N, C-alpha and C. Protein backbone atom coordinates (compact mmCIF):
# COMPACT_ATOMS: atom_id res chain seq x y z
N MET A 1 -104.43 -73.39 76.68
CA MET A 1 -103.67 -72.18 77.28
C MET A 1 -104.43 -70.63 77.15
N ASN A 2 -104.32 -69.97 78.78
CA ASN A 2 -105.38 -69.18 78.83
C ASN A 2 -104.74 -67.86 78.56
N LYS A 3 -104.73 -66.96 77.55
CA LYS A 3 -103.94 -65.73 77.18
C LYS A 3 -105.16 -64.51 77.35
N ILE A 4 -104.85 -63.93 78.03
CA ILE A 4 -105.15 -62.59 78.27
C ILE A 4 -104.99 -61.46 77.95
N PHE A 5 -105.99 -60.71 77.11
CA PHE A 5 -105.26 -58.86 76.87
C PHE A 5 -106.02 -57.99 77.55
N LEU A 6 -105.59 -57.56 79.09
CA LEU A 6 -106.41 -56.98 79.94
C LEU A 6 -106.06 -55.57 79.78
N TYR A 7 -106.89 -54.70 79.47
CA TYR A 7 -107.10 -53.25 79.23
C TYR A 7 -107.70 -52.06 80.15
N LEU A 8 -106.86 -51.77 80.87
CA LEU A 8 -107.34 -50.61 81.90
C LEU A 8 -107.81 -49.43 81.37
N TYR A 9 -109.14 -49.15 82.06
CA TYR A 9 -109.71 -47.96 82.25
C TYR A 9 -110.19 -47.26 80.49
N PRO A 10 -110.79 -47.47 79.97
CA PRO A 10 -111.33 -47.04 78.59
C PRO A 10 -112.56 -46.24 79.09
N ILE A 11 -112.21 -45.35 79.68
CA ILE A 11 -113.27 -44.18 80.10
C ILE A 11 -113.22 -42.86 79.36
N GLU A 12 -114.16 -41.86 79.25
CA GLU A 12 -114.39 -40.65 78.62
C GLU A 12 -113.50 -39.95 79.48
N GLU A 13 -113.22 -40.02 80.60
CA GLU A 13 -111.85 -39.05 81.20
C GLU A 13 -110.65 -38.78 80.70
N TYR A 14 -110.32 -40.25 80.74
CA TYR A 14 -109.03 -40.40 80.56
C TYR A 14 -108.62 -40.49 78.72
N THR A 15 -109.65 -40.81 78.00
CA THR A 15 -109.62 -41.04 76.41
C THR A 15 -109.82 -39.55 76.01
N LYS A 16 -110.53 -38.67 76.49
CA LYS A 16 -110.73 -37.20 75.66
C LYS A 16 -109.39 -36.77 76.06
N MET A 17 -108.68 -36.72 77.02
CA MET A 17 -107.40 -36.03 76.91
C MET A 17 -106.57 -36.50 76.39
N PHE A 18 -106.66 -37.52 75.26
CA PHE A 18 -105.79 -37.28 73.81
C PHE A 18 -106.52 -37.21 72.57
N LEU A 19 -107.74 -36.75 72.69
CA LEU A 19 -108.51 -36.17 71.41
C LEU A 19 -108.65 -34.97 71.14
N PHE A 20 -108.65 -34.60 69.64
CA PHE A 20 -109.22 -33.14 69.81
C PHE A 20 -110.21 -32.98 70.02
N SER A 21 -110.91 -31.84 70.21
CA SER A 21 -112.09 -31.11 70.83
C SER A 21 -113.39 -31.21 70.05
N ASN A 22 -112.60 -31.45 68.41
CA ASN A 22 -113.86 -31.82 67.49
C ASN A 22 -113.14 -32.80 66.42
N ASP A 23 -114.10 -33.49 65.82
CA ASP A 23 -113.75 -34.48 64.95
C ASP A 23 -113.36 -33.94 63.75
N GLU A 24 -113.91 -32.51 63.25
CA GLU A 24 -113.58 -32.08 62.08
C GLU A 24 -111.96 -31.62 62.26
N ILE A 25 -111.36 -31.68 63.09
CA ILE A 25 -109.90 -31.02 63.38
C ILE A 25 -109.20 -31.93 62.38
N TYR A 26 -109.90 -33.49 62.49
CA TYR A 26 -108.87 -34.64 62.02
C TYR A 26 -108.59 -34.54 60.81
N ASP A 27 -109.72 -33.98 60.38
CA ASP A 27 -110.15 -34.45 58.63
C ASP A 27 -109.71 -33.08 57.80
N ASN A 28 -110.07 -31.76 58.72
CA ASN A 28 -109.16 -30.35 58.20
C ASN A 28 -107.61 -30.91 57.89
N PHE A 29 -107.08 -31.64 59.11
CA PHE A 29 -105.17 -31.58 58.37
C PHE A 29 -105.16 -33.11 58.28
N GLY A 30 -105.90 -33.96 57.89
CA GLY A 30 -105.71 -34.98 57.19
C GLY A 30 -105.14 -36.43 58.06
N ILE A 31 -105.36 -36.13 59.39
CA ILE A 31 -105.06 -37.04 60.41
C ILE A 31 -106.23 -38.30 60.54
N GLU A 32 -105.68 -39.69 60.85
CA GLU A 32 -106.84 -40.41 60.96
C GLU A 32 -106.82 -40.26 62.47
N LYS A 33 -108.30 -40.72 62.22
CA LYS A 33 -108.93 -40.98 63.96
C LYS A 33 -108.56 -41.90 64.45
N PRO A 34 -107.93 -41.42 66.15
CA PRO A 34 -107.15 -42.66 66.74
C PRO A 34 -107.98 -44.03 66.72
N LEU A 35 -109.22 -43.49 67.45
CA LEU A 35 -110.30 -44.63 67.76
C LEU A 35 -110.71 -45.70 66.96
N PRO A 36 -111.13 -45.92 65.80
CA PRO A 36 -111.22 -47.03 65.02
C PRO A 36 -109.90 -47.87 65.07
N ILE A 37 -108.64 -47.25 65.10
CA ILE A 37 -107.32 -47.79 64.77
C ILE A 37 -106.83 -48.70 65.85
N LEU A 38 -107.16 -47.95 67.18
CA LEU A 38 -107.21 -48.57 68.42
C LEU A 38 -107.73 -49.90 68.44
N ASN A 39 -108.96 -49.86 68.11
CA ASN A 39 -110.18 -51.02 68.22
C ASN A 39 -110.10 -51.99 67.35
N ASP A 40 -109.26 -51.73 66.03
CA ASP A 40 -108.67 -52.64 64.59
C ASP A 40 -107.14 -53.47 65.49
N CYS A 41 -106.58 -52.26 66.34
CA CYS A 41 -105.14 -53.22 67.01
C CYS A 41 -105.63 -54.20 68.19
N ILE A 42 -106.52 -54.05 69.08
CA ILE A 42 -107.06 -55.07 69.81
C ILE A 42 -107.36 -56.22 68.95
N GLU A 43 -108.22 -56.00 67.86
CA GLU A 43 -108.77 -56.99 67.04
C GLU A 43 -107.90 -57.81 66.61
N LYS A 44 -106.69 -57.24 66.02
CA LYS A 44 -105.93 -57.96 65.12
C LYS A 44 -104.60 -58.38 65.73
N ARG A 45 -104.00 -57.91 66.90
CA ARG A 45 -103.01 -58.13 67.66
C ARG A 45 -103.74 -59.33 68.56
N TYR A 46 -104.82 -59.45 69.12
CA TYR A 46 -105.07 -60.19 70.43
C TYR A 46 -106.47 -61.01 70.28
N ARG A 47 -107.63 -60.72 70.18
CA ARG A 47 -108.88 -60.86 69.92
C ARG A 47 -108.75 -62.27 68.88
N SER A 48 -108.07 -61.81 67.73
CA SER A 48 -108.22 -62.44 66.29
C SER A 48 -106.71 -63.56 66.58
N LYS A 49 -105.72 -63.57 67.57
CA LYS A 49 -105.15 -64.48 67.85
C LYS A 49 -105.54 -65.28 69.56
N GLY A 50 -106.42 -65.34 69.64
CA GLY A 50 -106.83 -66.43 70.72
C GLY A 50 -107.26 -65.70 71.76
N TYR A 51 -106.46 -64.75 72.18
CA TYR A 51 -106.66 -63.89 73.60
C TYR A 51 -108.17 -63.48 73.44
N GLN A 52 -108.30 -63.78 75.46
CA GLN A 52 -109.66 -63.54 76.20
C GLN A 52 -109.42 -61.83 76.22
N ILE A 53 -110.23 -61.05 75.59
CA ILE A 53 -110.14 -59.65 76.11
C ILE A 53 -111.04 -59.21 77.11
N VAL A 54 -110.32 -58.35 78.26
CA VAL A 54 -110.74 -57.78 79.39
C VAL A 54 -110.47 -56.71 79.65
N PHE A 55 -111.80 -56.11 79.76
CA PHE A 55 -111.47 -54.76 79.90
C PHE A 55 -111.84 -54.50 81.36
N VAL A 56 -110.85 -53.05 82.16
CA VAL A 56 -111.23 -52.92 83.88
C VAL A 56 -111.45 -51.58 83.75
N LEU A 57 -112.76 -51.70 84.71
CA LEU A 57 -113.30 -50.22 84.41
C LEU A 57 -113.66 -49.92 86.23
N TYR A 58 -113.78 -48.53 86.52
CA TYR A 58 -114.08 -48.36 87.96
C TYR A 58 -116.04 -48.36 87.72
N PRO A 59 -116.22 -48.71 89.01
CA PRO A 59 -117.81 -49.55 88.97
C PRO A 59 -118.38 -48.46 88.56
N ASN A 60 -118.39 -46.86 88.70
CA ASN A 60 -119.40 -45.80 88.36
C ASN A 60 -119.20 -44.92 87.29
N LYS A 61 -118.15 -45.37 86.29
CA LYS A 61 -117.91 -45.24 84.77
C LYS A 61 -118.14 -46.27 83.74
N LYS A 62 -118.91 -45.59 82.71
CA LYS A 62 -118.87 -46.44 81.65
C LYS A 62 -117.81 -46.55 80.45
N MET A 63 -117.88 -47.44 79.26
CA MET A 63 -116.70 -47.75 78.32
C MET A 63 -117.02 -46.32 77.68
N PHE A 64 -115.63 -45.87 77.25
CA PHE A 64 -115.94 -45.02 76.14
C PHE A 64 -114.88 -45.15 75.35
N GLY A 65 -115.37 -45.29 73.91
CA GLY A 65 -114.29 -45.48 72.70
C GLY A 65 -113.83 -46.66 72.48
N ILE A 66 -114.22 -47.58 72.71
CA ILE A 66 -113.70 -48.82 72.55
C ILE A 66 -115.08 -49.74 72.03
N ARG A 67 -115.15 -50.27 71.27
CA ARG A 67 -116.01 -51.24 70.42
C ARG A 67 -116.12 -52.69 71.02
N PRO A 68 -116.38 -53.19 72.59
CA PRO A 68 -116.37 -54.31 72.92
C PRO A 68 -117.03 -55.59 72.03
N LYS A 69 -116.91 -56.89 72.07
CA LYS A 69 -117.00 -57.92 71.39
C LYS A 69 -117.92 -58.61 72.12
N ALA A 70 -119.33 -59.52 71.79
CA ALA A 70 -119.91 -60.02 72.62
C ALA A 70 -119.16 -61.21 73.77
N LYS A 71 -117.83 -61.87 73.35
CA LYS A 71 -117.16 -62.57 74.20
C LYS A 71 -116.30 -62.10 74.88
N ASP A 72 -115.97 -60.53 74.76
CA ASP A 72 -115.32 -59.78 75.61
C ASP A 72 -115.91 -59.70 76.89
N LYS A 73 -114.92 -59.76 77.85
CA LYS A 73 -115.38 -59.33 79.45
C LYS A 73 -115.29 -58.01 79.98
N ILE A 74 -116.07 -57.70 81.04
CA ILE A 74 -115.69 -56.41 81.77
C ILE A 74 -115.77 -56.91 83.56
N ILE A 75 -114.63 -56.32 84.00
CA ILE A 75 -114.71 -56.86 85.61
C ILE A 75 -114.07 -55.35 86.24
N TYR A 76 -114.56 -55.27 87.13
CA TYR A 76 -114.55 -53.68 87.83
C TYR A 76 -113.81 -53.86 89.12
N THR A 77 -113.05 -52.61 89.27
CA THR A 77 -111.84 -52.33 90.60
C THR A 77 -113.03 -52.41 91.53
N ASP A 78 -112.27 -52.48 92.54
CA ASP A 78 -112.49 -52.13 94.06
C ASP A 78 -112.58 -50.91 94.73
N ILE A 79 -112.44 -49.90 93.56
CA ILE A 79 -112.07 -48.31 94.17
C ILE A 79 -112.81 -47.70 92.82
N ALA A 80 -113.38 -46.41 93.10
CA ALA A 80 -114.53 -45.77 92.48
C ALA A 80 -112.87 -44.64 91.79
N PHE A 81 -113.73 -44.01 90.54
CA PHE A 81 -113.04 -42.94 89.80
C PHE A 81 -111.92 -42.19 90.78
N GLU A 82 -113.45 -41.80 91.62
CA GLU A 82 -112.91 -40.59 92.72
C GLU A 82 -111.67 -40.74 93.46
N ASP A 83 -111.77 -41.96 93.96
CA ASP A 83 -110.12 -42.10 94.67
C ASP A 83 -109.16 -42.35 93.97
N ASN A 84 -109.17 -42.15 92.96
CA ASN A 84 -107.96 -41.99 91.98
C ASN A 84 -107.77 -40.84 91.37
N ASN A 85 -108.58 -39.65 91.59
CA ASN A 85 -108.65 -38.48 90.82
C ASN A 85 -108.28 -37.56 91.29
N ALA A 86 -107.45 -36.51 90.64
CA ALA A 86 -106.52 -35.71 91.79
C ALA A 86 -107.48 -34.46 91.80
N TYR A 87 -108.51 -34.65 90.64
CA TYR A 87 -109.42 -33.62 90.55
C TYR A 87 -111.09 -34.04 90.90
N ASP A 88 -111.68 -32.87 91.91
CA ASP A 88 -113.39 -32.81 92.14
C ASP A 88 -114.23 -33.00 91.12
N GLU A 89 -115.11 -33.14 91.46
CA GLU A 89 -116.24 -32.60 90.05
C GLU A 89 -116.22 -31.59 89.53
N ASN A 90 -115.75 -30.89 89.88
CA ASN A 90 -115.78 -29.41 89.44
C ASN A 90 -114.29 -28.70 88.62
N GLY A 91 -114.11 -29.52 88.95
CA GLY A 91 -112.50 -29.65 88.28
C GLY A 91 -111.28 -28.76 88.83
N LYS A 92 -111.51 -28.84 90.32
CA LYS A 92 -110.75 -28.19 90.86
C LYS A 92 -109.89 -29.03 91.44
N GLU A 93 -108.29 -28.97 91.63
CA GLU A 93 -107.30 -29.92 92.23
C GLU A 93 -108.10 -29.81 93.38
N LYS A 94 -107.72 -31.15 93.96
CA LYS A 94 -107.92 -31.59 95.70
C LYS A 94 -106.71 -31.48 96.31
N ILE A 95 -106.93 -30.44 97.62
CA ILE A 95 -105.41 -30.35 98.28
C ILE A 95 -105.71 -31.47 99.25
N ASN A 96 -103.67 -31.61 98.82
CA ASN A 96 -103.32 -33.00 99.79
C ASN A 96 -103.55 -34.00 99.18
N PHE A 97 -103.78 -34.34 97.92
CA PHE A 97 -104.13 -35.62 97.74
C PHE A 97 -103.63 -36.80 97.76
N THR A 98 -103.93 -37.85 97.74
CA THR A 98 -103.25 -39.04 97.69
C THR A 98 -104.16 -40.29 97.05
N PRO A 99 -103.48 -40.66 95.84
CA PRO A 99 -104.17 -41.40 95.05
C PRO A 99 -104.80 -42.93 95.75
N LYS A 100 -105.74 -43.52 95.63
CA LYS A 100 -105.89 -44.70 96.06
C LYS A 100 -106.08 -45.53 95.07
N TYR A 101 -105.04 -47.02 94.79
CA TYR A 101 -104.85 -47.98 93.88
C TYR A 101 -105.82 -49.00 94.09
N LEU A 102 -106.05 -49.51 93.20
CA LEU A 102 -107.00 -50.84 93.28
C LEU A 102 -105.93 -51.99 93.95
N ASN A 103 -106.85 -52.97 94.47
CA ASN A 103 -105.98 -54.25 94.66
C ASN A 103 -105.79 -55.38 93.97
N VAL A 104 -104.59 -55.13 93.56
CA VAL A 104 -104.33 -55.99 91.93
C VAL A 104 -104.62 -57.19 92.42
N SER A 105 -104.35 -57.89 93.58
CA SER A 105 -104.39 -59.59 93.87
C SER A 105 -106.07 -59.55 93.47
N THR A 106 -106.57 -58.79 93.83
CA THR A 106 -108.39 -59.13 93.81
C THR A 106 -108.76 -59.37 92.40
N LEU A 107 -108.63 -58.29 91.73
CA LEU A 107 -108.50 -58.02 90.13
C LEU A 107 -108.07 -59.26 89.40
N LEU A 108 -107.09 -59.70 89.70
CA LEU A 108 -106.44 -60.92 89.16
C LEU A 108 -107.26 -61.65 88.83
N SER A 109 -107.33 -62.19 90.57
CA SER A 109 -108.48 -63.35 90.82
C SER A 109 -109.53 -63.37 89.92
N LYS A 110 -110.17 -62.60 89.57
CA LYS A 110 -111.01 -62.17 88.67
C LYS A 110 -110.99 -62.95 87.31
N LEU A 111 -110.05 -63.33 86.98
CA LEU A 111 -109.62 -63.59 85.69
C LEU A 111 -109.56 -65.09 85.61
N GLY A 112 -109.27 -65.89 86.74
CA GLY A 112 -109.18 -67.15 86.66
C GLY A 112 -107.55 -67.42 86.45
N GLN A 113 -107.33 -68.78 85.90
CA GLN A 113 -105.74 -69.32 85.84
C GLN A 113 -105.49 -68.35 84.55
N ILE A 114 -104.09 -67.70 84.66
CA ILE A 114 -103.71 -67.29 83.30
C ILE A 114 -102.67 -67.56 82.86
N ASP A 115 -102.31 -68.15 81.56
CA ASP A 115 -100.96 -68.41 81.30
C ASP A 115 -100.16 -67.53 80.37
N GLU A 116 -100.82 -66.24 80.21
CA GLU A 116 -100.19 -65.02 79.52
C GLU A 116 -100.80 -63.85 79.88
N LEU A 117 -100.32 -63.05 80.13
CA LEU A 117 -101.12 -61.69 80.15
C LEU A 117 -100.23 -60.59 79.28
N VAL A 118 -101.31 -59.78 79.14
CA VAL A 118 -100.43 -58.79 77.96
C VAL A 118 -101.63 -57.52 78.22
N LEU A 119 -101.01 -56.77 78.79
CA LEU A 119 -101.67 -55.16 79.05
C LEU A 119 -101.61 -53.97 78.31
N GLY A 120 -102.79 -53.30 78.15
CA GLY A 120 -102.59 -51.98 77.69
C GLY A 120 -103.77 -50.82 78.83
N GLY A 121 -103.79 -49.90 78.27
CA GLY A 121 -104.80 -49.13 78.97
C GLY A 121 -103.83 -47.46 79.64
N TYR A 122 -104.77 -47.22 80.32
CA TYR A 122 -104.27 -46.33 81.20
C TYR A 122 -103.40 -46.40 82.52
N HIS A 123 -102.48 -45.49 83.06
CA HIS A 123 -101.58 -45.46 82.32
C HIS A 123 -100.35 -45.84 82.23
N PHE A 124 -99.28 -45.91 81.40
CA PHE A 124 -98.10 -47.17 81.07
C PHE A 124 -97.05 -46.87 82.64
N ALA A 125 -96.71 -46.11 82.79
CA ALA A 125 -95.91 -45.65 83.73
C ALA A 125 -96.87 -45.75 85.40
N ASP A 126 -97.77 -45.84 85.46
CA ASP A 126 -98.33 -46.07 86.63
C ASP A 126 -99.53 -47.19 86.89
N CYS A 127 -100.73 -46.95 86.75
CA CYS A 127 -101.37 -48.20 86.91
C CYS A 127 -101.55 -49.43 86.12
N VAL A 128 -101.10 -49.03 84.86
CA VAL A 128 -100.39 -50.05 83.77
C VAL A 128 -99.49 -51.06 84.66
N LYS A 129 -98.54 -50.30 84.62
CA LYS A 129 -96.92 -50.85 85.01
C LYS A 129 -97.15 -51.77 86.61
N ARG A 130 -98.05 -51.06 87.43
CA ARG A 130 -98.17 -51.36 88.89
C ARG A 130 -99.24 -52.80 88.40
N VAL A 131 -100.28 -53.02 87.86
CA VAL A 131 -100.77 -54.65 87.70
C VAL A 131 -99.85 -55.17 86.90
N GLY A 132 -99.08 -55.00 86.20
CA GLY A 132 -98.33 -55.66 85.41
C GLY A 132 -97.09 -56.59 86.38
N GLU A 133 -96.81 -55.55 87.37
CA GLU A 133 -95.37 -56.23 88.33
C GLU A 133 -96.22 -56.81 89.44
N GLU A 134 -97.42 -57.09 89.47
CA GLU A 134 -98.05 -57.37 91.21
C GLU A 134 -98.28 -58.66 90.08
N ALA A 135 -98.43 -58.69 88.86
CA ALA A 135 -98.82 -60.06 87.94
C ALA A 135 -97.49 -61.07 87.85
N ILE A 136 -96.40 -60.35 87.77
CA ILE A 136 -95.02 -61.17 87.71
C ILE A 136 -94.72 -61.56 89.08
N ILE A 137 -95.16 -60.91 90.08
CA ILE A 137 -95.02 -61.38 91.28
C ILE A 137 -95.52 -62.55 91.37
N LEU A 138 -96.63 -62.72 90.85
CA LEU A 138 -98.06 -63.91 91.12
C LEU A 138 -97.40 -65.00 90.22
N GLY A 139 -96.22 -64.82 89.41
CA GLY A 139 -95.77 -66.05 88.60
C GLY A 139 -96.29 -66.32 86.95
N ILE A 140 -97.42 -64.92 86.66
CA ILE A 140 -97.66 -64.87 85.74
C ILE A 140 -96.98 -64.27 84.36
N ASP A 141 -96.81 -64.62 83.21
CA ASP A 141 -96.07 -64.10 82.43
C ASP A 141 -96.48 -63.06 81.67
N THR A 142 -95.97 -62.05 81.77
CA THR A 142 -96.85 -60.49 81.55
C THR A 142 -95.66 -59.71 81.01
N THR A 143 -96.62 -58.79 80.07
CA THR A 143 -96.31 -58.01 79.04
C THR A 143 -97.02 -56.94 79.01
N VAL A 144 -96.64 -55.58 78.98
CA VAL A 144 -97.33 -54.91 78.44
C VAL A 144 -96.79 -54.05 77.05
N ASP A 145 -97.81 -54.16 76.45
CA ASP A 145 -97.90 -53.64 74.95
C ASP A 145 -98.19 -52.04 75.05
N LEU A 146 -96.84 -51.24 75.19
CA LEU A 146 -96.88 -49.92 75.01
C LEU A 146 -97.44 -49.16 73.83
N ASP A 147 -97.63 -49.94 72.71
CA ASP A 147 -98.20 -49.26 71.47
C ASP A 147 -99.83 -48.91 71.61
N LEU A 148 -100.18 -50.06 72.83
CA LEU A 148 -102.00 -49.40 73.12
C LEU A 148 -102.16 -49.25 74.89
N THR A 149 -100.88 -48.62 75.09
CA THR A 149 -101.28 -47.76 76.16
C THR A 149 -101.75 -46.10 75.77
N ASP A 150 -101.29 -45.53 76.81
CA ASP A 150 -101.95 -43.88 76.58
C ASP A 150 -100.82 -43.26 75.74
N LEU A 151 -99.68 -44.13 75.43
CA LEU A 151 -98.94 -43.41 73.98
C LEU A 151 -99.47 -43.76 72.79
N PHE A 152 -100.72 -44.55 72.54
CA PHE A 152 -100.92 -44.78 71.65
C PHE A 152 -101.07 -43.70 70.66
N PHE A 153 -101.72 -42.92 71.41
CA PHE A 153 -102.24 -41.75 70.94
C PHE A 153 -101.32 -41.02 69.90
N SER A 154 -100.07 -40.89 70.18
CA SER A 154 -98.43 -40.50 69.40
C SER A 154 -98.28 -41.28 68.78
N LEU A 155 -98.24 -42.40 69.09
CA LEU A 155 -97.69 -43.37 68.20
C LEU A 155 -98.15 -43.76 66.98
N TYR A 156 -99.56 -44.14 67.31
CA TYR A 156 -100.10 -44.68 65.93
C TYR A 156 -99.76 -43.74 64.61
N LYS A 157 -99.71 -42.62 64.97
CA LYS A 157 -99.47 -41.60 63.74
C LYS A 157 -98.40 -41.86 63.19
N VAL A 158 -97.22 -42.63 63.50
CA VAL A 158 -95.64 -42.90 63.17
C VAL A 158 -95.74 -43.69 62.12
N LYS A 159 -95.91 -43.39 60.74
CA LYS A 159 -96.28 -44.61 59.67
C LYS A 159 -94.85 -45.74 59.97
N ASP A 160 -93.64 -45.16 60.19
CA ASP A 160 -92.43 -45.83 59.83
C ASP A 160 -92.37 -46.74 60.81
N TYR A 161 -93.05 -46.45 62.10
CA TYR A 161 -93.02 -47.11 63.39
C TYR A 161 -94.11 -48.29 63.99
N PHE A 162 -95.54 -47.64 63.27
CA PHE A 162 -96.51 -48.44 64.21
C PHE A 162 -96.85 -49.39 63.29
N ASN A 163 -97.21 -50.64 63.71
CA ASN A 163 -97.63 -51.80 63.01
C ASN A 163 -99.13 -52.18 63.77
N ILE A 164 -100.20 -52.18 62.81
CA ILE A 164 -101.45 -52.39 63.22
C ILE A 164 -101.55 -53.94 63.86
N ASP A 165 -100.80 -54.53 63.11
CA ASP A 165 -100.87 -56.24 63.46
C ASP A 165 -100.55 -57.02 64.94
N SER A 166 -99.18 -56.09 65.42
CA SER A 166 -98.10 -56.56 66.11
C SER A 166 -97.40 -55.67 66.75
N TYR A 167 -97.16 -55.83 67.77
CA TYR A 167 -95.86 -55.36 68.99
C TYR A 167 -94.79 -55.64 69.10
N ASN A 168 -93.84 -55.34 68.83
CA ASN A 168 -92.21 -55.66 69.26
C ASN A 168 -91.26 -54.86 70.14
N PRO A 169 -91.08 -55.27 71.24
CA PRO A 169 -90.56 -54.88 72.58
C PRO A 169 -88.91 -53.58 72.03
N GLU A 170 -88.76 -54.42 71.01
CA GLU A 170 -87.13 -54.13 70.57
C GLU A 170 -87.67 -53.10 69.56
N ARG A 171 -88.68 -52.82 68.64
CA ARG A 171 -88.67 -52.07 67.82
C ARG A 171 -89.03 -50.50 68.45
N TYR A 172 -89.81 -51.01 69.43
CA TYR A 172 -90.48 -49.52 70.51
C TYR A 172 -88.70 -49.19 70.70
N LYS A 173 -88.36 -49.79 71.44
CA LYS A 173 -87.09 -49.35 72.01
C LYS A 173 -85.93 -48.43 70.57
N LYS A 174 -86.12 -49.04 69.68
CA LYS A 174 -85.16 -48.60 68.79
C LYS A 174 -85.82 -47.29 68.02
N TYR A 175 -87.14 -46.92 67.64
CA TYR A 175 -87.59 -45.86 67.86
C TYR A 175 -87.73 -44.38 68.75
N TRP A 176 -87.67 -45.30 69.65
CA TRP A 176 -87.53 -43.63 70.95
C TRP A 176 -86.28 -43.87 70.87
N GLN A 177 -85.04 -44.51 71.10
CA GLN A 177 -84.03 -44.03 70.99
C GLN A 177 -83.46 -43.25 69.84
N GLN A 178 -83.93 -43.68 68.61
CA GLN A 178 -83.67 -42.97 67.75
C GLN A 178 -84.28 -41.35 67.66
N GLN A 179 -85.25 -41.46 68.55
CA GLN A 179 -85.72 -39.64 68.83
C GLN A 179 -85.16 -38.97 69.51
N ILE A 180 -84.41 -39.64 70.60
CA ILE A 180 -83.60 -39.11 71.39
C ILE A 180 -82.41 -38.77 71.26
N ILE A 181 -81.67 -39.33 70.24
CA ILE A 181 -80.79 -39.23 69.86
C ILE A 181 -80.27 -38.09 68.85
N PHE A 182 -81.57 -38.21 67.91
CA PHE A 182 -81.79 -37.24 66.87
C PHE A 182 -81.88 -35.66 67.67
N GLU A 183 -82.46 -35.96 69.12
CA GLU A 183 -82.24 -34.55 69.78
C GLU A 183 -81.02 -34.14 70.20
N GLY A 184 -79.95 -34.82 69.65
CA GLY A 184 -78.62 -34.57 70.33
C GLY A 184 -77.83 -35.32 71.40
N GLU A 185 -78.19 -36.42 71.88
CA GLU A 185 -78.01 -37.01 73.00
C GLU A 185 -76.99 -38.09 72.50
N ASN A 186 -75.99 -38.25 73.49
CA ASN A 186 -75.47 -39.31 73.06
C ASN A 186 -75.38 -40.79 73.32
N LYS A 187 -75.04 -41.86 72.59
CA LYS A 187 -75.89 -43.40 72.66
C LYS A 187 -76.23 -43.67 74.47
N ASP A 188 -74.86 -43.42 75.26
CA ASP A 188 -74.92 -44.24 76.51
C ASP A 188 -75.98 -43.24 77.31
N PHE A 189 -75.78 -41.98 77.02
CA PHE A 189 -77.05 -41.13 78.27
C PHE A 189 -78.17 -41.62 77.76
N VAL A 190 -78.84 -41.89 76.44
CA VAL A 190 -79.94 -42.38 75.61
C VAL A 190 -80.17 -43.73 76.20
N GLU A 191 -78.97 -44.75 76.24
CA GLU A 191 -79.73 -46.22 76.82
C GLU A 191 -79.80 -46.49 78.49
N LYS A 192 -79.45 -45.11 79.20
CA LYS A 192 -79.67 -45.22 80.66
C LYS A 192 -80.49 -44.60 80.88
N ARG A 193 -80.73 -43.52 79.86
CA ARG A 193 -82.38 -42.67 80.65
C ARG A 193 -83.02 -43.94 80.06
N PHE A 194 -82.99 -44.90 78.99
CA PHE A 194 -84.24 -45.76 78.44
C PHE A 194 -84.27 -46.75 79.41
N GLN A 195 -83.07 -47.32 80.66
CA GLN A 195 -83.40 -48.29 81.20
C GLN A 195 -83.97 -47.52 82.39
N THR A 196 -83.60 -46.25 82.85
CA THR A 196 -84.37 -45.75 84.39
C THR A 196 -85.84 -45.74 83.52
N LEU A 197 -86.60 -45.39 82.13
CA LEU A 197 -87.54 -45.51 82.15
C LEU A 197 -88.44 -46.57 82.07
N TYR A 198 -87.56 -47.46 81.54
CA TYR A 198 -88.06 -48.99 81.18
C TYR A 198 -87.68 -49.97 81.63
N GLY A 199 -86.89 -49.94 82.71
CA GLY A 199 -86.25 -51.14 83.39
C GLY A 199 -87.28 -52.16 83.97
N SER A 200 -88.16 -51.63 83.85
CA SER A 200 -89.29 -52.83 84.80
C SER A 200 -89.49 -54.06 83.98
N PRO A 201 -89.49 -55.52 84.40
CA PRO A 201 -89.59 -56.34 83.78
C PRO A 201 -91.44 -56.55 82.96
N VAL A 202 -91.80 -55.70 83.25
CA VAL A 202 -93.37 -55.85 82.44
C VAL A 202 -93.31 -55.34 81.03
N TYR A 203 -91.90 -54.60 80.96
CA TYR A 203 -91.43 -53.89 79.53
C TYR A 203 -91.28 -54.81 78.62
N LYS A 204 -90.42 -56.33 78.76
CA LYS A 204 -89.77 -57.03 78.11
C LYS A 204 -88.53 -56.35 77.46
N PHE A 205 -87.73 -55.18 78.26
CA PHE A 205 -86.46 -54.79 77.60
C PHE A 205 -85.26 -55.35 77.71
N TYR A 206 -85.04 -55.90 78.89
CA TYR A 206 -83.76 -56.25 79.56
C TYR A 206 -84.22 -57.77 80.22
N SER A 207 -82.84 -58.41 80.49
CA SER A 207 -82.92 -59.50 80.83
C SER A 207 -83.30 -59.72 82.31
N GLU A 208 -83.50 -60.82 82.45
CA GLU A 208 -83.96 -60.64 84.38
C GLU A 208 -82.83 -59.81 85.00
N GLU A 209 -81.72 -60.23 85.00
CA GLU A 209 -81.10 -59.71 85.43
C GLU A 209 -80.76 -58.02 85.90
N LYS A 210 -81.23 -57.29 84.67
CA LYS A 210 -81.09 -56.02 84.42
C LYS A 210 -82.68 -55.40 84.79
N SER A 211 -83.49 -56.56 84.59
CA SER A 211 -84.89 -55.71 85.29
C SER A 211 -85.01 -55.83 86.72
N LYS A 212 -86.33 -54.50 86.92
CA LYS A 212 -86.20 -54.50 88.35
C LYS A 212 -87.69 -53.81 88.39
N ILE A 213 -87.95 -54.40 89.58
CA ILE A 213 -89.36 -54.10 89.96
C ILE A 213 -89.36 -52.80 91.32
N SER A 214 -89.57 -51.69 91.19
CA SER A 214 -89.37 -50.79 92.47
C SER A 214 -90.62 -50.57 93.08
N ARG A 215 -89.99 -50.11 94.36
CA ARG A 215 -90.99 -49.76 95.15
C ARG A 215 -91.33 -48.41 95.88
C-alpha cells in the first residue's frame, strides 16, 4: 500500500511569517520552538508509520525549517514562487495581481500510484485544499492534517489539544468549536460556521452527502 504524506512549500518566505524574529524570544517567554516539534510530528505521525514523505517546492526555492531524511523525496511545481506571490522582490504589492496555481494533476502524477494521501503545509484553505480536492476527484483517499498546515504554529502550543503522535479530525473540530462557543456564540451558529469553513471532503469532518468541493 502506497501511503504518502505530502507537505507543500516548506520555504523561508512562508515559514518565517509564523516565527519570532529572534530565537531568544522563545527562551525569554518559556515557549517551545516550533520547528523541532514540526519535524518530530512528521516523523512520528507519518515517516515512522510507513508513509513516504514528499515535499513540494518551487523550482527556485530551497527547503527551510524541515530536516528531510535520506528516503524522503522532493518534487517541484510547474510555477515559480513569484507566480503565486502577491509581492515583488522589493516587498511592494503587485497591482492587479492574480495568483497562478500549479497543475495539480501533473504534480500528483509524479507520485505514482497512491492508495492514501495525507496533506500538510502552506496554506490549509488555499493551496493545500486545492491539491487535496483534485486528488479526491482523481479517486485518491485524501485527508488534510490541519495540525501540520500553517495552523500548526498556533496549535502546537495548546497542551490540552495537541498530540505529537497523531491527528484526529474530530478532536480538532471539538477544540475549534469550544473556542468559538467560549467567545459567546451559540452552538447552532458555531456548527454552521464550521461547516462553511471546513465543509470540503479533504478535511474529513462530514459525510459524503454534506461534504462539498467548491469551484
